[in-house]
Amino acid sequence: MKPQLEDLVQTPIPTRYGEFILHYYNNSIDDKEHVALVRGDVSAKEHVPVRIHSECFTGDVLGSRRCDCGEQLAMAMKLIDQAGFGVLIYLRQEGRGIGLLKKLQAYNLQDQGMDTVDANIHLGHLADEREYSIAALMLDDLKIKSVELITNNPKKIDALKKLGINVVNRIAIEVVAHDDNLGYLKTKAKKMAHMLFEPKKEKD
């Protein structure tokens, strides 16, 4: 059976980065609450800036400096606002798909010397268990013709293309490194092929 997706609620959300329309989606793939924040008119548009952001409670909500997630979320919303239109899809794929509990356990392993990839594998998971079929369905529902994807992750680009999304450009989204996230960023570049320049630390 073909996966089903339904846009149940649309409501305006004023933010510090402008006003977005929040779309709440129900789907037949999982029981999670995935949403899309839409800025401006994106229907039948080409070269739409799109960020597909996987949930990170510690970074997005608490402002944790162990990762770059919260900063990337803010940067993406700002980029979309500056463009005047675009979409931020927020997927409930905490901890690269392993869930909050396992992510916190991985943090403890990282504090003992493992990197983010080795910690996930030690816990019996893949380095990255995210998937993007729901995001592709959401983009189709919004009737977007082509996407400029806000990402540093080449695997995300490849995954979306395989799902039929017309990705025509990549928009880089790099944060400034510091003592708390430098190792994390280096691991993403070296072990996960993220397209990052050599991370430079913020100035004191």
C-alpha atoms as a PDB file:
ATOM      1  CA  MET A   1       0.000   0.000   0.000  1.00  0.00           C
ATOM      2  CA  LYS A   2       1.277   3.447  -0.908  1.00  0.00           C
ATOM      3  CA  PRO A   3       2.155   5.574   2.155  1.00  0.00           C
ATOM      4  CA  GLN A   4      -0.513   8.134   2.952  1.00  0.00           C
ATOM      5  CA  LEU A   5      -0.067  11.666   4.240  1.00  0.00           C
ATOM      6  CA  GLU A   6      -2.706  14.151   5.370  1.00  0.00           C
ATOM      7  CA  ASP A   7      -2.311  17.837   6.191  1.00  0.00           C
ATOM      8  CA  LEU A   8      -4.629  18.050   9.219  1.00  0.00           C
ATOM      9  CA  VAL A   9      -4.041  21.589  10.504  1.00  0.00           C
ATOM     10  CA  GLN A  10      -2.575  24.824   9.187  1.00  0.00           C
ATOM     11  CA  THR A  11      -2.014  27.750  11.530  1.00  0.00           C
ATOM     12  CA  PRO A  12       0.095  30.938  11.437  1.00  0.00           C
ATOM     13  CA  ILE A  13       3.142  31.011  13.712  1.00  0.00           C
ATOM     14  CA  PRO A  14       4.825  34.403  14.187  1.00  0.00           C
ATOM     15  CA  THR A  15       8.532  33.954  14.968  1.00  0.00           C
ATOM     16  CA  ARG A  16      11.598  36.129  15.371  1.00  0.00           C
ATOM     17  CA  TYR A  17      12.373  35.127  11.775  1.00  0.00           C
ATOM     18  CA  GLY A  18       9.036  36.225  10.341  1.00  0.00           C
ATOM     19  CA  GLU A  19       5.622  34.612  10.101  1.00  0.00           C
ATOM     20  CA  PHE A  20       5.340  31.004   8.994  1.00  0.00           C
ATOM     21  CA  ILE A  21       2.348  28.751   8.401  1.00  0.00           C
ATOM     22  CA  LEU A  22       2.703  25.548  10.410  1.00  0.00           C
ATOM     23  CA  HIS A  23       1.337  22.429   8.698  1.00  0.00           C
ATOM     24  CA  TYR A  24       0.636  19.472  10.996  1.00  0.00           C
ATOM     25  CA  TYR A  25       0.775  16.164   9.136  1.00  0.00           C
ATOM     26  CA  ASN A  26      -0.676  12.767   9.900  1.00  0.00           C
ATOM     27  CA  ASN A  27       0.855   9.800   8.074  1.00  0.00           C
ATOM     28  CA  SER A  28       0.537   6.035   7.641  1.00  0.00           C
ATOM     29  CA  ILE A  29       4.254   5.331   8.166  1.00  0.00           C
ATOM     30  CA  ASP A  30       4.680   6.119  11.865  1.00  0.00           C
ATOM     31  CA  ASP A  31       2.803   7.706  14.762  1.00  0.00           C
ATOM     32  CA  LYS A  32       5.068  10.734  15.046  1.00  0.00           C
ATOM     33  CA  GLU A  33       4.039  14.380  14.767  1.00  0.00           C
ATOM     34  CA  HIS A  34       5.965  15.756  11.796  1.00  0.00           C
ATOM     35  CA  VAL A  35       5.403  19.377  10.808  1.00  0.00           C
ATOM     36  CA  ALA A  36       6.346  21.823   8.076  1.00  0.00           C
ATOM     37  CA  LEU A  37       6.891  25.546   8.585  1.00  0.00           C
ATOM     38  CA  VAL A  38       6.094  27.329   5.332  1.00  0.00           C
ATOM     39  CA  ARG A  39       7.117  30.908   4.573  1.00  0.00           C
ATOM     40  CA  GLY A  40       5.398  32.628   1.670  1.00  0.00           C
ATOM     41  CA  ASP A  41       3.904  30.984  -1.408  1.00  0.00           C
ATOM     42  CA  VAL A  42       5.793  27.817  -2.383  1.00  0.00           C
ATOM     43  CA  SER A  43       3.156  26.000  -4.457  1.00  0.00           C
ATOM     44  CA  ALA A  44       4.386  25.252  -7.996  1.00  0.00           C
ATOM     45  CA  LYS A  45       7.566  27.220  -7.269  1.00  0.00           C
ATOM     46  CA  GLU A  46      11.105  26.333  -8.310  1.00  0.00           C
ATOM     47  CA  HIS A  47      14.358  26.791  -6.378  1.00  0.00           C
ATOM     48  CA  VAL A  48      12.532  26.785  -3.043  1.00  0.00           C
ATOM     49  CA  PRO A  49      14.899  26.947  -0.034  1.00  0.00           C
ATOM     50  CA  VAL A  50      14.163  23.872   2.090  1.00  0.00           C
ATOM     51  CA  ARG A  51      15.634  22.697   5.371  1.00  0.00           C
ATOM     52  CA  ILE A  52      14.825  19.156   6.524  1.00  0.00           C
ATOM     53  CA  HIS A  53      15.657  19.276  10.211  1.00  0.00           C
ATOM     54  CA  SER A  54      15.582  16.221  12.450  1.00  0.00           C
ATOM     55  CA  GLU A  55      14.492  16.773  16.027  1.00  0.00           C
ATOM     56  CA  CYS A  56      17.201  17.481  18.603  1.00  0.00           C
ATOM     57  CA  PHE A  57      15.685  18.156  22.014  1.00  0.00           C
ATOM     58  CA  THR A  58      19.009  19.014  23.618  1.00  0.00           C
ATOM     59  CA  GLY A  59      20.124  21.377  20.867  1.00  0.00           C
ATOM     60  CA  ASP A  60      16.843  22.832  19.598  1.00  0.00           C
ATOM     61  CA  VAL A  61      15.132  23.300  22.977  1.00  0.00           C
ATOM     62  CA  LEU A  62      17.863  23.418  25.620  1.00  0.00           C
ATOM     63  CA  GLY A  63      20.506  25.161  23.528  1.00  0.00           C
ATOM     64  CA  SER A  64      23.105  22.435  24.084  1.00  0.00           C
ATOM     65  CA  ARG A  65      26.550  23.264  22.717  1.00  0.00           C
ATOM     66  CA  ARG A  66      27.480  19.594  22.169  1.00  0.00           C
ATOM     67  CA  CYS A  67      26.079  19.754  18.626  1.00  0.00           C
ATOM     68  CA  ASP A  68      25.238  22.319  15.956  1.00  0.00           C
ATOM     69  CA  CYS A  69      21.533  21.448  15.659  1.00  0.00           C
ATOM     70  CA  GLY A  70      19.969  24.398  17.459  1.00  0.00           C
ATOM     71  CA  GLU A  71      22.178  26.870  15.636  1.00  0.00           C
ATOM     72  CA  GLN A  72      21.410  25.249  12.288  1.00  0.00           C
ATOM     73  CA  LEU A  73      17.680  25.433  13.007  1.00  0.00           C
ATOM     74  CA  ALA A  74      17.909  29.161  13.710  1.00  0.00           C
ATOM     75  CA  MET A  75      20.165  29.789  10.704  1.00  0.00           C
ATOM     76  CA  ALA A  76      17.800  27.916   8.385  1.00  0.00           C
ATOM     77  CA  MET A  77      14.775  29.910   9.526  1.00  0.00           C
ATOM     78  CA  LYS A  78      16.727  33.122   9.043  1.00  0.00           C
ATOM     79  CA  LEU A  79      17.823  32.068   5.542  1.00  0.00           C
ATOM     80  CA  ILE A  80      14.243  31.223   4.581  1.00  0.00           C
ATOM     81  CA  ASP A  81      13.002  34.545   5.937  1.00  0.00           C
ATOM     82  CA  GLN A  82      15.660  36.435   3.979  1.00  0.00           C
ATOM     83  CA  ALA A  83      14.671  34.589   0.805  1.00  0.00           C
ATOM     84  CA  GLY A  84      11.043  35.570   1.387  1.00  0.00           C
ATOM     85  CA  PHE A  85       9.792  32.028   0.893  1.00  0.00           C
ATOM     86  CA  GLY A  86      10.759  28.489   1.786  1.00  0.00           C
ATOM     87  CA  VAL A  87      10.028  25.463   3.934  1.00  0.00           C
ATOM     88  CA  LEU A  88      11.437  24.019   7.132  1.00  0.00           C
ATOM     89  CA  ILE A  89      10.386  20.410   7.669  1.00  0.00           C
ATOM     90  CA  TYR A  90      10.760  19.241  11.263  1.00  0.00           C
ATOM     91  CA  LEU A  91      11.031  15.458  11.476  1.00  0.00           C
ATOM     92  CA  ARG A  92      10.729  13.579  14.766  1.00  0.00           C
ATOM     93  CA  GLN A  93      13.962  11.628  14.315  1.00  0.00           C
ATOM     94  CA  GLU A  94      15.703  12.367  17.592  1.00  0.00           C
ATOM     95  CA  GLY A  95      19.362  11.409  17.841  1.00  0.00           C
ATOM     96  CA  ARG A  96      19.753  10.632  14.125  1.00  0.00           C
ATOM     97  CA  GLY A  97      16.868   8.208  14.503  1.00  0.00           C
ATOM     98  CA  ILE A  98      17.935   6.306  17.645  1.00  0.00           C
ATOM     99  CA  GLY A  99      15.747   8.237  20.100  1.00  0.00           C
ATOM    100  CA  LEU A 100      16.457  10.484  23.061  1.00  0.00           C
ATOM    101  CA  LEU A 101      17.364   7.737  25.562  1.00  0.00           C
ATOM    102  CA  LYS A 102      19.991   6.180  23.310  1.00  0.00           C
ATOM    103  CA  LYS A 103      21.323   9.597  22.353  1.00  0.00           C
ATOM    104  CA  LEU A 104      21.882  10.493  25.995  1.00  0.00           C
ATOM    105  CA  GLN A 105      23.599   7.156  26.551  1.00  0.00           C
ATOM    106  CA  ALA A 106      25.774   7.941  23.534  1.00  0.00           C
ATOM    107  CA  TYR A 107      26.682  11.273  25.142  1.00  0.00           C
ATOM    108  CA  ASN A 108      28.065   9.409  28.146  1.00  0.00           C
ATOM    109  CA  LEU A 109      30.114   7.165  25.866  1.00  0.00           C
ATOM    110  CA  GLN A 110      31.444  10.240  24.076  1.00  0.00           C
ATOM    111  CA  ASP A 111      32.523  11.650  27.430  1.00  0.00           C
ATOM    112  CA  GLN A 112      34.517   8.436  27.890  1.00  0.00           C
ATOM    113  CA  GLY A 113      36.382   8.987  24.624  1.00  0.00           C
ATOM    114  CA  MET A 114      34.199   7.674  21.794  1.00  0.00           C
ATOM    115  CA  ASP A 115      33.083   9.879  18.942  1.00  0.00           C
ATOM    116  CA  THR A 116      29.442  10.224  17.902  1.00  0.00           C
ATOM    117  CA  VAL A 117      29.682   7.479  15.253  1.00  0.00           C
ATOM    118  CA  ASP A 118      31.454   4.914  17.444  1.00  0.00           C
ATOM    119  CA  ALA A 119      29.053   5.590  20.327  1.00  0.00           C
ATOM    120  CA  ASN A 120      25.992   4.843  18.186  1.00  0.00           C
ATOM    121  CA  ILE A 121      27.551   1.649  16.852  1.00  0.00           C
ATOM    122  CA  HIS A 122      28.553   0.558  20.371  1.00  0.00           C
ATOM    123  CA  LEU A 123      24.882   0.864  21.370  1.00  0.00           C
ATOM    124  CA  GLY A 124      23.844  -1.432  18.519  1.00  0.00           C
ATOM    125  CA  HIS A 125      22.746   1.222  16.047  1.00  0.00           C
ATOM    126  CA  LEU A 126      23.919   2.603  12.745  1.00  0.00           C
ATOM    127  CA  ALA A 127      25.789   5.889  12.697  1.00  0.00           C
ATOM    128  CA  ASP A 128      22.700   7.482  11.142  1.00  0.00           C
ATOM    129  CA  GLU A 129      19.266   5.809  11.067  1.00  0.00           C
ATOM    130  CA  ARG A 130      17.262   8.707   9.661  1.00  0.00           C
ATOM    131  CA  GLU A 131      15.093   8.361   6.581  1.00  0.00           C
ATOM    132  CA  TYR A 132      13.286  10.955   4.526  1.00  0.00           C
ATOM    133  CA  SER A 133      10.261   9.355   2.857  1.00  0.00           C
ATOM    134  CA  ILE A 134       7.854  11.414   4.974  1.00  0.00           C
ATOM    135  CA  ALA A 135       9.742  14.605   4.104  1.00  0.00           C
ATOM    136  CA  ALA A 136       9.430  13.739   0.407  1.00  0.00           C
ATOM    137  CA  LEU A 137       5.683  13.210   0.795  1.00  0.00           C
ATOM    138  CA  MET A 138       5.382  16.577   2.536  1.00  0.00           C
ATOM    139  CA  LEU A 139       7.255  18.344  -0.260  1.00  0.00           C
ATOM    140  CA  ASP A 140       4.995  16.670  -2.816  1.00  0.00           C
ATOM    141  CA  ASP A 141       1.929  17.738  -0.828  1.00  0.00           C
ATOM    142  CA  LEU A 142       3.177  21.336  -0.873  1.00  0.00           C
ATOM    143  CA  LYS A 143       3.523  21.029  -4.682  1.00  0.00           C
ATOM    144  CA  ILE A 144       7.099  22.286  -4.780  1.00  0.00           C
ATOM    145  CA  LYS A 145       8.722  21.864  -8.200  1.00  0.00           C
ATOM    146  CA  SER A 146      12.384  22.082  -7.208  1.00  0.00           C
ATOM    147  CA  VAL A 147      14.390  22.465  -4.029  1.00  0.00           C
ATOM    148  CA  GLU A 148      17.524  24.247  -2.878  1.00  0.00           C
ATOM    149  CA  LEU A 149      18.396  22.072   0.099  1.00  0.00           C
ATOM    150  CA  ILE A 150      19.871  23.741   3.182  1.00  0.00           C
ATOM    151  CA  THR A 151      22.302  21.059   4.337  1.00  0.00           C
ATOM    152  CA  ASN A 152      25.902  19.913   4.618  1.00  0.00           C
ATOM    153  CA  ASN A 153      24.922  16.244   4.344  1.00  0.00           C
ATOM    154  CA  PRO A 154      25.402  14.633   0.896  1.00  0.00           C
ATOM    155  CA  LYS A 155      23.508  11.502   1.970  1.00  0.00           C
ATOM    156  CA  LYS A 156      20.413  13.622   2.620  1.00  0.00           C
ATOM    157  CA  ILE A 157      20.630  15.039  -0.896  1.00  0.00           C
ATOM    158  CA  ASP A 158      21.025  11.558  -2.403  1.00  0.00           C
ATOM    159  CA  ALA A 159      18.146  10.164  -0.337  1.00  0.00           C
ATOM    160  CA  LEU A 160      15.758  12.893  -1.473  1.00  0.00           C
ATOM    161  CA  LYS A 161      16.743  12.503  -5.115  1.00  0.00           C
ATOM    162  CA  LYS A 162      16.065   8.753  -4.902  1.00  0.00           C
ATOM    163  CA  LEU A 163      12.633   9.612  -3.494  1.00  0.00           C
ATOM    164  CA  GLY A 164      11.896  11.740  -6.557  1.00  0.00           C
ATOM    165  CA  ILE A 165      12.595  15.203  -5.150  1.00  0.00           C
ATOM    166  CA  ASN A 166      14.170  17.603  -7.643  1.00  0.00           C
ATOM    167  CA  VAL A 167      17.142  18.958  -5.669  1.00  0.00           C
ATOM    168  CA  VAL A 168      18.774  21.590  -7.879  1.00  0.00           C
ATOM    169  CA  ASN A 169      21.174  23.234  -5.445  1.00  0.00           C
ATOM    170  CA  ARG A 170      22.702  22.970  -1.985  1.00  0.00           C
ATOM    171  CA  ILE A 171      22.841  25.854   0.484  1.00  0.00           C
ATOM    172  CA  ALA A 172      25.644  25.395   3.021  1.00  0.00           C
ATOM    173  CA  ILE A 173      24.825  25.877   6.701  1.00  0.00           C
ATOM    174  CA  GLU A 174      27.923  25.966   8.885  1.00  0.00           C
ATOM    175  CA  VAL A 175      28.218  27.099  12.469  1.00  0.00           C
ATOM    176  CA  VAL A 176      31.306  28.365  14.264  1.00  0.00           C
ATOM    177  CA  ALA A 177      33.079  25.629  16.200  1.00  0.00           C
ATOM    178  CA  HIS A 178      33.950  25.886  19.891  1.00  0.00           C
ATOM    179  CA  ASP A 179      35.398  23.615  22.564  1.00  0.00           C
ATOM    180  CA  ASP A 180      32.102  21.780  23.149  1.00  0.00           C
ATOM    181  CA  ASN A 181      31.312  20.865  19.533  1.00  0.00           C
ATOM    182  CA  LEU A 182      34.679  20.807  17.746  1.00  0.00           C
ATOM    183  CA  GLY A 183      35.130  17.032  17.980  1.00  0.00           C
ATOM    184  CA  TYR A 184      31.529  16.475  16.902  1.00  0.00           C
ATOM    185  CA  LEU A 185      31.958  18.644  13.800  1.00  0.00           C
ATOM    186  CA  LYS A 186      35.248  16.994  12.864  1.00  0.00           C
ATOM    187  CA  THR A 187      33.617  13.563  13.130  1.00  0.00           C
ATOM    188  CA  LYS A 188      30.751  14.643  10.869  1.00  0.00           C
ATOM    189  CA  ALA A 189      33.256  15.834   8.267  1.00  0.00           C
ATOM    190  CA  LYS A 190      35.676  12.897   8.453  1.00  0.00           C
ATOM    191  CA  LYS A 191      33.403   9.910   9.144  1.00  0.00           C
ATOM    192  CA  MET A 192      30.048  11.016   7.722  1.00  0.00           C
ATOM    193  CA  ALA A 193      31.297  12.958   4.673  1.00  0.00           C
ATOM    194  CA  HIS A 194      29.519  16.170   5.639  1.00  0.00           C
ATOM    195  CA  MET A 195      30.613  19.010   3.393  1.00  0.00           C
ATOM    196  CA  LEU A 196      32.312  21.198   5.971  1.00  0.00           C
ATOM    197  CA  PHE A 197      35.375  23.341   5.814  1.00  0.00           C
ATOM    198  CA  GLU A 198      37.962  22.536   8.461  1.00  0.00           C
ATOM    199  CA  PRO A 199      36.097  23.660  11.590  1.00  0.00           C
ATOM    200  CA  LYS A 200      37.473  26.892  12.992  1.00  0.00           C
ATOM    201  CA  LYS A 201      37.000  27.694  16.641  1.00  0.00           C
ATOM    202  CA  GLU A 202      35.251  30.830  17.763  1.00  0.00           C
ATOM    203  CA  LYS A 203      37.472  33.578  19.101  1.00  0.00           C
ATOM    204  CA  ASP A 204      37.685  34.093  22.843  1.00  0.00           C
END
